[in-house]
Amino acid sequence: MAEALPCTRAKGLTGRWLALSVLLLIGLGHPTFFSGQAQKPKPLTPARQNNVIATAAPPATDATESSRKTILLLSDASGRTASGLLAGVLAQFEVIGDGIEVQTATEVTTRERLQEVIEAIKGRGGSVLVLATLVDSTLSGWAKTFCADYNLQFVEVMGPLLDRMGGFLEQRSRGEPGASLSERAIKRILNKDFFGMVEAVKYSQRHIGGLNSQDWHEADIILVGPSRCGKGPVAHQLAMRGFKAAALNISPHDILPEELTTLQAHQLA
């Protein structure tokens, strides 16, 4: 070991100078080592290009485009009724977002406007469903004819409902586009049922166990039977549905109250 040290000094190289020489050699082989510039990326080889293309998303085809379903909401007003109805219907199905398109045509009140809207989508044929909420029966008839001419599926919502409701109410529909009840009118209709239920519950509570028999003629039904057979809970449930129900407890040796003889047969149970 003592003989090797003089040999190294003879060559003029120490450990420190040897390390510096190695760094100089690396720098000469890589020009960017001292310049600080980033090395340009290598171009893709054919193999790498193939890998990139293989992982890319395939372009859309005509078959994919043709499989998309279109729903046209046809409204003679703002389209709010049709939109709400469609939302409730689609909630019952597993609908793919990209597989369905919804279009809305509002304020369709003339034959010309109707024909313009239908002709705009006539090229899609059977992949289109027209959902109409038209209150004018004549306009609805034209819509049905146009859809049949272009092989479009057609569903009319308001027509059958208005016909059935008109027969029930014995009135004829006004056919006024965009007409609606005010919130106050709707609450008044609903409150009538609510207050009727409240009055029925109060009546049932005042006429348990044969009490206040002088008011039995106001009852919708009087439950007659032995004690503890469930008349009270039944009367309460009937009252919650708006029926005035009274209850009378009797035993085999009791004499029936005279008030029962003044009632109609359908009032007794």
Protein backbone atom coordinates (compact mmCIF):
# COMPACT_ATOMS: atom_id res chain seq x y z
CA MET A 1 0.00 0.00 0.00
CA ALA A 2 2.97 2.29 0.75
CA GLU A 3 4.36 1.65 -2.75
CA ALA A 4 1.07 2.47 -4.53
CA LEU A 5 0.84 6.01 -3.25
CA PRO A 6 4.03 7.31 -4.92
CA CYS A 7 2.83 5.75 -8.20
CA THR A 8 -0.40 7.71 -8.06
CA ARG A 9 1.39 10.98 -7.31
CA ALA A 10 3.75 10.36 -10.21
CA LYS A 11 0.90 10.42 -12.59
CA GLY A 12 -0.28 13.81 -11.18
CA LEU A 13 -3.77 12.57 -10.23
CA THR A 14 -5.30 12.72 -6.81
CA GLY A 15 -8.74 11.52 -5.78
CA ARG A 16 -10.19 15.04 -6.15
CA TRP A 17 -8.84 15.60 -9.62
CA LEU A 18 -10.08 12.19 -10.71
CA ALA A 19 -13.67 13.03 -9.75
CA LEU A 20 -13.46 16.35 -11.64
CA SER A 21 -12.23 14.57 -14.75
CA VAL A 22 -15.22 12.20 -14.69
CA LEU A 23 -17.65 15.15 -14.53
CA LEU A 24 -15.92 16.84 -17.48
CA LEU A 25 -16.25 13.69 -19.56
CA ILE A 26 -20.00 13.48 -18.81
CA GLY A 27 -20.48 17.13 -19.74
CA LEU A 28 -18.70 16.71 -23.08
CA GLY A 29 -20.96 13.78 -23.95
CA HIS A 30 -24.20 15.67 -23.08
CA PRO A 31 -24.24 19.31 -24.27
CA THR A 32 -27.41 20.15 -22.31
CA PHE A 33 -25.66 19.30 -19.10
CA PHE A 34 -24.09 22.77 -18.91
CA SER A 35 -26.53 24.75 -21.06
CA GLY A 36 -29.51 24.09 -18.72
CA GLN A 37 -31.88 23.57 -21.70
CA ALA A 38 -34.50 20.86 -21.51
CA GLN A 39 -33.94 17.92 -23.75
CA LYS A 40 -36.50 17.58 -26.55
CA PRO A 41 -38.79 14.54 -26.24
CA LYS A 42 -38.04 11.68 -28.53
CA PRO A 43 -40.42 11.17 -31.43
CA LEU A 44 -42.92 8.33 -31.08
CA THR A 45 -41.79 5.11 -32.65
CA PRO A 46 -44.32 3.16 -34.71
CA ALA A 47 -44.81 0.82 -31.76
CA ARG A 48 -45.55 3.71 -29.37
CA GLN A 49 -47.87 5.35 -31.91
CA ASN A 50 -49.85 2.15 -32.17
CA ASN A 51 -50.24 2.04 -28.40
CA VAL A 52 -51.61 5.60 -28.28
CA ILE A 53 -54.11 4.97 -31.05
CA ALA A 54 -55.29 1.78 -29.40
CA THR A 55 -56.15 3.55 -26.16
CA ALA A 56 -57.94 6.52 -27.79
CA ALA A 57 -61.78 6.69 -27.75
CA PRO A 58 -63.39 5.48 -30.99
CA PRO A 59 -65.06 8.18 -33.08
CA ALA A 60 -68.85 8.44 -33.10
CA THR A 61 -70.52 6.44 -35.82
CA ASP A 62 -73.76 6.92 -37.70
CA ALA A 63 -75.21 3.87 -35.94
CA THR A 64 -74.69 5.52 -32.55
CA GLU A 65 -76.32 8.73 -33.74
CA SER A 66 -79.30 6.92 -35.24
CA SER A 67 -79.96 4.98 -32.00
CA ARG A 68 -80.57 8.19 -30.00
CA LYS A 69 -84.18 8.73 -28.95
CA THR A 70 -85.80 12.15 -29.19
CA ILE A 71 -88.80 13.34 -27.14
CA LEU A 72 -90.55 16.46 -28.39
CA LEU A 73 -92.69 18.28 -25.84
CA LEU A 74 -95.47 20.02 -27.73
CA SER A 75 -97.16 22.73 -25.67
CA ASP A 76 -99.59 25.54 -26.41
CA ALA A 77 -98.25 27.55 -23.45
CA SER A 78 -95.00 27.58 -21.45
CA GLY A 79 -94.40 23.82 -21.49
CA ARG A 80 -94.31 23.56 -17.70
CA THR A 81 -97.07 20.96 -17.55
CA ALA A 82 -95.40 18.79 -20.20
CA SER A 83 -91.98 19.08 -18.54
CA GLY A 84 -93.31 18.10 -15.13
CA LEU A 85 -95.21 15.17 -16.59
CA LEU A 86 -92.18 13.93 -18.53
CA ALA A 87 -89.96 14.16 -15.45
CA GLY A 88 -92.36 11.98 -13.50
CA VAL A 89 -92.59 9.43 -16.31
CA LEU A 90 -88.84 9.19 -16.99
CA ALA A 91 -88.22 8.64 -13.28
CA GLN A 92 -89.77 5.19 -13.74
CA PHE A 93 -87.15 4.11 -16.30
CA GLU A 94 -83.39 3.69 -16.49
CA VAL A 95 -82.64 6.44 -18.99
CA ILE A 96 -79.11 6.91 -20.33
CA GLY A 97 -78.28 10.60 -20.55
CA ASP A 98 -76.54 10.41 -23.93
CA GLY A 99 -79.19 8.11 -25.37
CA ILE A 100 -82.12 10.50 -25.12
CA GLU A 101 -82.68 14.07 -26.23
CA VAL A 102 -85.57 16.26 -25.07
CA GLN A 103 -86.78 19.18 -27.16
CA THR A 104 -89.54 21.62 -26.19
CA ALA A 105 -91.79 23.59 -28.53
CA THR A 106 -93.81 26.21 -26.63
CA GLU A 107 -96.73 28.47 -27.58
CA VAL A 108 -97.84 26.23 -30.43
CA THR A 109 -101.30 27.71 -31.01
CA THR A 110 -101.68 27.75 -34.81
CA ARG A 111 -101.66 25.14 -37.56
CA GLU A 112 -98.73 26.86 -39.28
CA ARG A 113 -96.59 26.89 -36.15
CA LEU A 114 -97.47 23.24 -35.51
CA GLN A 115 -96.50 22.17 -39.01
CA GLU A 116 -93.21 24.07 -38.75
CA VAL A 117 -92.28 22.28 -35.55
CA ILE A 118 -93.18 18.81 -36.84
CA GLU A 119 -91.36 19.24 -40.14
CA ALA A 120 -88.19 20.23 -38.28
CA ILE A 121 -87.86 16.69 -36.89
CA LYS A 122 -89.63 14.63 -39.54
CA GLY A 123 -86.36 13.12 -40.81
CA ARG A 124 -85.81 11.09 -37.62
CA GLY A 125 -88.88 8.95 -38.14
CA GLY A 126 -89.73 6.32 -35.52
CA SER A 127 -86.99 7.45 -33.11
CA VAL A 128 -89.12 10.49 -32.16
CA LEU A 129 -91.93 10.56 -29.59
CA VAL A 130 -94.15 13.66 -29.60
CA LEU A 131 -95.72 14.31 -26.19
CA ALA A 132 -98.48 16.89 -26.61
CA THR A 133 -100.37 18.86 -23.96
CA LEU A 134 -102.70 20.75 -26.29
CA VAL A 135 -106.09 21.82 -24.91
CA ASP A 136 -107.49 22.72 -28.34
CA SER A 137 -108.98 19.51 -29.77
CA THR A 138 -108.72 20.79 -33.37
CA LEU A 139 -105.02 21.57 -33.00
CA SER A 140 -104.45 18.24 -31.32
CA GLY A 141 -106.11 16.51 -34.27
CA TRP A 142 -103.75 18.27 -36.68
CA ALA A 143 -100.76 17.24 -34.57
CA LYS A 144 -101.87 13.61 -34.70
CA THR A 145 -102.27 13.79 -38.49
CA PHE A 146 -98.86 15.39 -39.07
CA CYS A 147 -97.13 12.82 -36.87
CA ALA A 148 -98.82 9.96 -38.71
CA ASP A 149 -97.72 11.39 -42.08
CA TYR A 150 -94.06 11.45 -40.98
CA ASN A 151 -94.13 8.18 -39.00
CA LEU A 152 -93.63 9.93 -35.66
CA GLN A 153 -94.97 8.42 -32.45
CA PHE A 154 -97.63 10.64 -30.88
CA VAL A 155 -99.13 10.79 -27.37
CA GLU A 156 -101.83 13.32 -26.44
CA VAL A 157 -102.23 13.85 -22.70
CA MET A 158 -104.75 16.65 -22.19
CA GLY A 159 -107.42 15.53 -24.66
CA PRO A 160 -108.52 12.27 -22.99
CA LEU A 161 -108.22 13.82 -19.54
CA LEU A 162 -110.35 16.83 -20.49
CA ASP A 163 -112.98 14.58 -22.08
CA ARG A 164 -113.24 12.38 -19.00
CA MET A 165 -113.28 15.35 -16.61
CA GLY A 166 -115.90 17.13 -18.71
CA GLY A 167 -118.16 14.10 -18.57
CA PHE A 168 -117.68 13.82 -14.81
CA LEU A 169 -118.37 17.52 -14.16
CA GLU A 170 -121.06 17.68 -16.87
CA GLN A 171 -119.32 20.69 -18.37
CA ARG A 172 -117.45 21.46 -21.55
CA SER A 173 -113.78 22.40 -21.48
CA ARG A 174 -112.94 26.01 -22.36
CA GLY A 175 -109.91 24.96 -24.40
CA GLU A 176 -107.92 27.97 -23.19
CA PRO A 177 -104.12 27.54 -23.56
CA GLY A 178 -102.10 28.33 -20.45
CA ALA A 179 -105.13 28.56 -18.14
CA SER A 180 -104.53 27.50 -14.55
CA LEU A 181 -106.05 27.91 -11.12
CA SER A 182 -104.45 30.34 -8.71
CA GLU A 183 -102.72 28.99 -5.62
CA ARG A 184 -105.46 30.52 -3.49
CA ALA A 185 -108.17 28.65 -5.42
CA ILE A 186 -106.28 25.36 -5.12
CA LYS A 187 -105.80 25.86 -1.38
CA ARG A 188 -109.50 26.66 -1.01
CA ILE A 189 -110.45 23.36 -2.67
CA LEU A 190 -107.98 21.41 -0.57
CA ASN A 191 -108.95 23.21 2.64
CA LYS A 192 -112.59 22.24 2.10
CA ASP A 193 -111.63 18.58 2.44
CA PHE A 194 -109.31 19.32 5.33
CA PHE A 195 -111.90 21.21 7.35
CA GLY A 196 -114.45 18.51 6.59
CA MET A 197 -112.07 15.97 8.11
CA VAL A 198 -111.60 18.15 11.19
CA GLU A 199 -115.36 18.44 11.72
CA ALA A 200 -115.77 14.68 11.32
CA VAL A 201 -113.10 14.00 13.95
CA LYS A 202 -114.78 16.40 16.40
CA TYR A 203 -118.15 14.75 15.76
CA SER A 204 -116.71 11.30 16.38
CA GLN A 205 -115.18 12.39 19.68
CA ARG A 206 -118.49 13.86 20.90
CA HIS A 207 -120.50 10.76 19.99
CA ILE A 208 -118.56 7.88 21.56
CA GLY A 209 -120.44 5.34 23.67
CA GLY A 210 -123.91 6.61 22.75
CA LEU A 211 -123.33 10.21 23.83
CA ASN A 212 -125.34 13.07 22.30
CA SER A 213 -127.84 10.82 20.57
CA GLN A 214 -129.90 13.87 19.60
CA ASP A 215 -127.29 14.56 16.88
CA TRP A 216 -127.32 11.08 15.33
CA HIS A 217 -129.30 12.31 12.35
CA GLU A 218 -126.15 14.24 11.29
CA ALA A 219 -124.02 11.10 11.27
CA ASP A 220 -122.88 9.37 8.11
CA ILE A 221 -122.76 6.08 10.02
CA ILE A 222 -123.50 4.79 13.54
CA LEU A 223 -121.58 1.75 14.75
CA VAL A 224 -123.73 -0.41 17.04
CA GLY A 225 -122.28 -3.34 18.99
CA PRO A 226 -121.03 -4.66 22.33
CA SER A 227 -118.38 -2.83 24.31
CA ARG A 228 -114.68 -3.26 23.49
CA CYS A 229 -115.15 -4.70 20.01
CA GLY A 230 -113.22 -1.95 18.19
CA LYS A 231 -115.97 0.54 17.39
CA GLY A 232 -113.95 3.50 18.69
CA PRO A 233 -110.85 2.98 16.48
CA VAL A 234 -113.05 2.29 13.45
CA ALA A 235 -115.04 5.48 14.06
CA HIS A 236 -111.77 7.44 14.33
CA GLN A 237 -110.43 6.05 11.05
CA LEU A 238 -113.70 6.88 9.29
CA ALA A 239 -113.52 10.41 10.70
CA MET A 240 -109.98 10.83 9.35
CA ARG A 241 -111.49 10.20 5.93
CA GLY A 242 -114.21 12.79 6.41
CA PHE A 243 -117.08 10.55 7.60
CA LYS A 244 -119.03 11.54 10.70
CA ALA A 245 -119.20 8.34 12.75
CA ALA A 246 -120.88 7.71 16.09
CA ALA A 247 -120.65 4.63 18.31
CA LEU A 248 -123.24 2.95 20.53
CA ASN A 249 -122.53 0.20 23.09
CA ILE A 250 -125.28 -2.37 23.62
CA SER A 251 -125.72 -5.67 25.45
CA PRO A 252 -128.29 -8.48 24.86
CA HIS A 253 -130.68 -7.13 27.53
CA ASP A 254 -130.48 -3.44 26.57
CA ILE A 255 -133.38 -1.61 24.95
CA LEU A 256 -132.37 0.17 21.75
CA PRO A 257 -132.65 3.95 21.89
CA GLU A 258 -135.68 5.43 20.17
CA GLU A 259 -133.40 7.71 18.09
CA LEU A 260 -132.28 4.70 16.05
CA THR A 261 -135.78 4.25 14.64
CA THR A 262 -135.61 7.68 12.99
CA LEU A 263 -132.46 6.91 11.02
CA GLN A 264 -132.03 5.54 7.53
CA ALA A 265 -130.90 1.94 7.13
CA HIS A 266 -127.63 2.93 5.45
CA GLN A 267 -126.67 4.96 8.56
CA LEU A 268 -126.51 1.87 10.82
CA ALA A 269 -123.77 -0.72 11.00
